[in-house]
Amino acid sequence: MKITVIKEFSFDAAHILEGDQGGCGRMHGHTWKGEIHCQGSENELEHGILVDFRKIKEQVKKLDHCFLNDVLAAMGCEEPVYRRPTAEHLAMLLLKAIPRCVKVILYESPENRVEVTHV
């Protein structure tokens, strides 16, 4: 039996997309919203739990009310290319940081979202 755990989240954070010729090249902020999808089987349950919602919340909380340009390196983005705090990079970071995570949906605004999944 396959089990999917879905955690909805939101956080507020600012960033600068250096080199962007539009408004994103200046400091600006968003109320980011999204979903974390984790999957496993009933054999992977520990005390009836696949993934502790608190563990997911802890990872997302690291991004809340932060300047994202400074946070990405601290969260394990060693390669400089991933330090540019785009929605794509943030979603990839969350996917890698959360156990059993198979999909991250991240809304930068109500009209713009990114979905990252394990291949």
C-alpha atoms as a PDB file:
ATOM      1  CA  MET A   1       0.000   0.000   0.000  1.00  0.00           C
ATOM      2  CA  LYS A   2       1.386   3.425  -0.952  1.00  0.00           C
ATOM      3  CA  ILE A   3       0.986   6.305   1.506  1.00  0.00           C
ATOM      4  CA  THR A   4       1.277   9.988   0.580  1.00  0.00           C
ATOM      5  CA  VAL A   5       1.681  12.612   3.275  1.00  0.00           C
ATOM      6  CA  ILE A   6       1.000  16.191   2.151  1.00  0.00           C
ATOM      7  CA  LYS A   7       1.967  19.239   4.190  1.00  0.00           C
ATOM      8  CA  GLU A   8       0.774  22.676   3.126  1.00  0.00           C
ATOM      9  CA  PHE A   9       2.935  25.590   4.196  1.00  0.00           C
ATOM     10  CA  SER A  10       3.597  29.293   3.790  1.00  0.00           C
ATOM     11  CA  PHE A  11       6.435  31.611   4.672  1.00  0.00           C
ATOM     12  CA  ASP A  12       7.418  35.220   4.072  1.00  0.00           C
ATOM     13  CA  ALA A  13      10.864  35.999   2.715  1.00  0.00           C
ATOM     14  CA  ALA A  14      12.794  38.498   0.609  1.00  0.00           C
ATOM     15  CA  HIS A  15      15.358  37.937  -2.116  1.00  0.00           C
ATOM     16  CA  ILE A  16      17.289  39.548  -4.936  1.00  0.00           C
ATOM     17  CA  LEU A  17      17.728  37.816  -8.270  1.00  0.00           C
ATOM     18  CA  GLU A  18      21.064  39.332  -9.224  1.00  0.00           C
ATOM     19  CA  GLY A  19      21.425  39.977 -12.932  1.00  0.00           C
ATOM     20  CA  ASP A  20      17.681  40.178 -13.531  1.00  0.00           C
ATOM     21  CA  GLN A  21      16.857  43.143 -15.744  1.00  0.00           C
ATOM     22  CA  GLY A  22      13.355  43.571 -14.313  1.00  0.00           C
ATOM     23  CA  GLY A  23      12.090  44.343 -10.851  1.00  0.00           C
ATOM     24  CA  CYS A  24      13.427  41.068  -9.446  1.00  0.00           C
ATOM     25  CA  GLY A  25      16.953  42.477  -9.560  1.00  0.00           C
ATOM     26  CA  ARG A  26      16.031  44.676  -6.603  1.00  0.00           C
ATOM     27  CA  MET A  27      15.263  43.411  -3.124  1.00  0.00           C
ATOM     28  CA  HIS A  28      11.636  42.354  -2.897  1.00  0.00           C
ATOM     29  CA  GLY A  29       9.567  39.854  -0.954  1.00  0.00           C
ATOM     30  CA  HIS A  30       6.861  37.285  -1.364  1.00  0.00           C
ATOM     31  CA  THR A  31       4.447  35.305   0.704  1.00  0.00           C
ATOM     32  CA  TRP A  32       5.492  31.897  -0.578  1.00  0.00           C
ATOM     33  CA  LYS A  33       2.993  29.041  -0.353  1.00  0.00           C
ATOM     34  CA  GLY A  34       3.246  25.417  -1.255  1.00  0.00           C
ATOM     35  CA  GLU A  35       2.941  21.730  -0.609  1.00  0.00           C
ATOM     36  CA  ILE A  36       5.421  19.052   0.369  1.00  0.00           C
ATOM     37  CA  HIS A  37       4.513  15.529  -0.794  1.00  0.00           C
ATOM     38  CA  CYS A  38       6.214  12.581   0.905  1.00  0.00           C
ATOM     39  CA  GLN A  39       5.619   8.962  -0.030  1.00  0.00           C
ATOM     40  CA  GLY A  40       6.304   5.561   1.380  1.00  0.00           C
ATOM     41  CA  SER A  41       4.707   2.264   2.115  1.00  0.00           C
ATOM     42  CA  GLU A  42       2.929   0.900   5.155  1.00  0.00           C
ATOM     43  CA  ASN A  43       6.097  -1.093   5.903  1.00  0.00           C
ATOM     44  CA  GLU A  44       7.965   2.200   6.405  1.00  0.00           C
ATOM     45  CA  LEU A  45       5.674   3.520   9.129  1.00  0.00           C
ATOM     46  CA  GLU A  46       7.324   4.182  12.475  1.00  0.00           C
ATOM     47  CA  HIS A  47       4.727   4.142  15.264  1.00  0.00           C
ATOM     48  CA  GLY A  48       2.070   4.715  12.604  1.00  0.00           C
ATOM     49  CA  ILE A  49       3.845   7.771  11.105  1.00  0.00           C
ATOM     50  CA  LEU A  50       5.568   7.995   7.726  1.00  0.00           C
ATOM     51  CA  VAL A  51       6.876  11.558   8.092  1.00  0.00           C
ATOM     52  CA  ASP A  52       6.518  13.754  11.153  1.00  0.00           C
ATOM     53  CA  PHE A  53       4.781  16.985  10.117  1.00  0.00           C
ATOM     54  CA  ARG A  54       6.953  18.833  12.648  1.00  0.00           C
ATOM     55  CA  LYS A  55      10.119  17.805  10.765  1.00  0.00           C
ATOM     56  CA  ILE A  56       8.728  19.307   7.564  1.00  0.00           C
ATOM     57  CA  LYS A  57       7.723  22.477   9.415  1.00  0.00           C
ATOM     58  CA  GLU A  58      11.262  22.790  10.826  1.00  0.00           C
ATOM     59  CA  GLN A  59      12.752  22.838   7.324  1.00  0.00           C
ATOM     60  CA  VAL A  60      10.265  25.419   6.033  1.00  0.00           C
ATOM     61  CA  LYS A  61      10.735  27.573   9.138  1.00  0.00           C
ATOM     62  CA  LYS A  62      14.395  28.047   8.185  1.00  0.00           C
ATOM     63  CA  LEU A  63      13.150  30.137   5.243  1.00  0.00           C
ATOM     64  CA  ASP A  64      10.563  32.233   7.097  1.00  0.00           C
ATOM     65  CA  HIS A  65      11.224  35.980   7.473  1.00  0.00           C
ATOM     66  CA  CYS A  66      14.693  35.637   5.980  1.00  0.00           C
ATOM     67  CA  PHE A  67      16.764  37.168   3.233  1.00  0.00           C
ATOM     68  CA  LEU A  68      16.932  34.092   1.023  1.00  0.00           C
ATOM     69  CA  ASN A  69      20.209  35.080  -0.640  1.00  0.00           C
ATOM     70  CA  ASP A  70      21.924  34.482   2.726  1.00  0.00           C
ATOM     71  CA  VAL A  71      19.993  31.364   3.704  1.00  0.00           C
ATOM     72  CA  LEU A  72      20.640  29.016   0.781  1.00  0.00           C
ATOM     73  CA  ALA A  73      24.348  28.490   1.465  1.00  0.00           C
ATOM     74  CA  ALA A  74      23.611  27.812   5.132  1.00  0.00           C
ATOM     75  CA  MET A  75      21.072  25.137   4.156  1.00  0.00           C
ATOM     76  CA  GLY A  76      23.507  23.117   2.066  1.00  0.00           C
ATOM     77  CA  CYS A  77      23.589  24.760  -1.350  1.00  0.00           C
ATOM     78  CA  GLU A  78      27.316  24.358  -1.920  1.00  0.00           C
ATOM     79  CA  GLU A  79      27.297  24.974  -5.667  1.00  0.00           C
ATOM     80  CA  PRO A  80      27.175  28.712  -6.449  1.00  0.00           C
ATOM     81  CA  VAL A  81      24.598  28.199  -9.214  1.00  0.00           C
ATOM     82  CA  TYR A  82      22.076  26.987  -6.624  1.00  0.00           C
ATOM     83  CA  ARG A  83      22.608  29.997  -4.394  1.00  0.00           C
ATOM     84  CA  ARG A  84      20.444  32.168  -6.654  1.00  0.00           C
ATOM     85  CA  PRO A  85      17.161  32.089  -4.701  1.00  0.00           C
ATOM     86  CA  THR A  86      14.736  31.337  -7.510  1.00  0.00           C
ATOM     87  CA  ALA A  87      11.517  29.440  -6.899  1.00  0.00           C
ATOM     88  CA  GLU A  88      13.069  26.479  -8.712  1.00  0.00           C
ATOM     89  CA  HIS A  89      16.110  26.406  -6.431  1.00  0.00           C
ATOM     90  CA  LEU A  90      14.025  26.776  -3.276  1.00  0.00           C
ATOM     91  CA  ALA A  91      11.776  23.892  -4.318  1.00  0.00           C
ATOM     92  CA  MET A  92      14.824  21.737  -5.131  1.00  0.00           C
ATOM     93  CA  LEU A  93      16.337  22.551  -1.747  1.00  0.00           C
ATOM     94  CA  LEU A  94      13.183  21.511   0.111  1.00  0.00           C
ATOM     95  CA  LEU A  95      12.896  18.317  -1.934  1.00  0.00           C
ATOM     96  CA  LYS A  96      16.445  17.329  -0.949  1.00  0.00           C
ATOM     97  CA  ALA A  97      16.133  18.393   2.702  1.00  0.00           C
ATOM     98  CA  ILE A  98      12.980  16.472   3.636  1.00  0.00           C
ATOM     99  CA  PRO A  99      13.047  12.684   4.049  1.00  0.00           C
ATOM    100  CA  ARG A 100      10.824  10.709   1.673  1.00  0.00           C
ATOM    101  CA  CYS A 101       9.888  13.905  -0.187  1.00  0.00           C
ATOM    102  CA  VAL A 102       8.900  13.137  -3.781  1.00  0.00           C
ATOM    103  CA  LYS A 103       7.323  16.434  -4.844  1.00  0.00           C
ATOM    104  CA  VAL A 104       7.381  20.103  -3.905  1.00  0.00           C
ATOM    105  CA  ILE A 105       4.908  22.655  -5.231  1.00  0.00           C
ATOM    106  CA  LEU A 106       5.975  26.221  -4.503  1.00  0.00           C
ATOM    107  CA  TYR A 107       3.948  29.340  -5.288  1.00  0.00           C
ATOM    108  CA  GLU A 108       5.936  32.568  -5.553  1.00  0.00           C
ATOM    109  CA  SER A 109       2.665  34.393  -6.189  1.00  0.00           C
ATOM    110  CA  PRO A 110      -0.928  33.294  -6.785  1.00  0.00           C
ATOM    111  CA  GLU A 111      -0.220  33.077 -10.539  1.00  0.00           C
ATOM    112  CA  ASN A 112       3.318  31.632 -10.549  1.00  0.00           C
ATOM    113  CA  ARG A 113       4.333  28.223  -9.258  1.00  0.00           C
ATOM    114  CA  VAL A 114       7.044  25.624  -9.636  1.00  0.00           C
ATOM    115  CA  GLU A 115       6.710  21.876  -9.231  1.00  0.00           C
ATOM    116  CA  VAL A 116       9.801  19.747  -8.597  1.00  0.00           C
ATOM    117  CA  THR A 117       9.656  15.958  -8.409  1.00  0.00           C
ATOM    118  CA  HIS A 118      12.088  13.086  -8.150  1.00  0.00           C
ATOM    119  CA  VAL A 119      12.602  11.596 -11.578  1.00  0.00           C
END
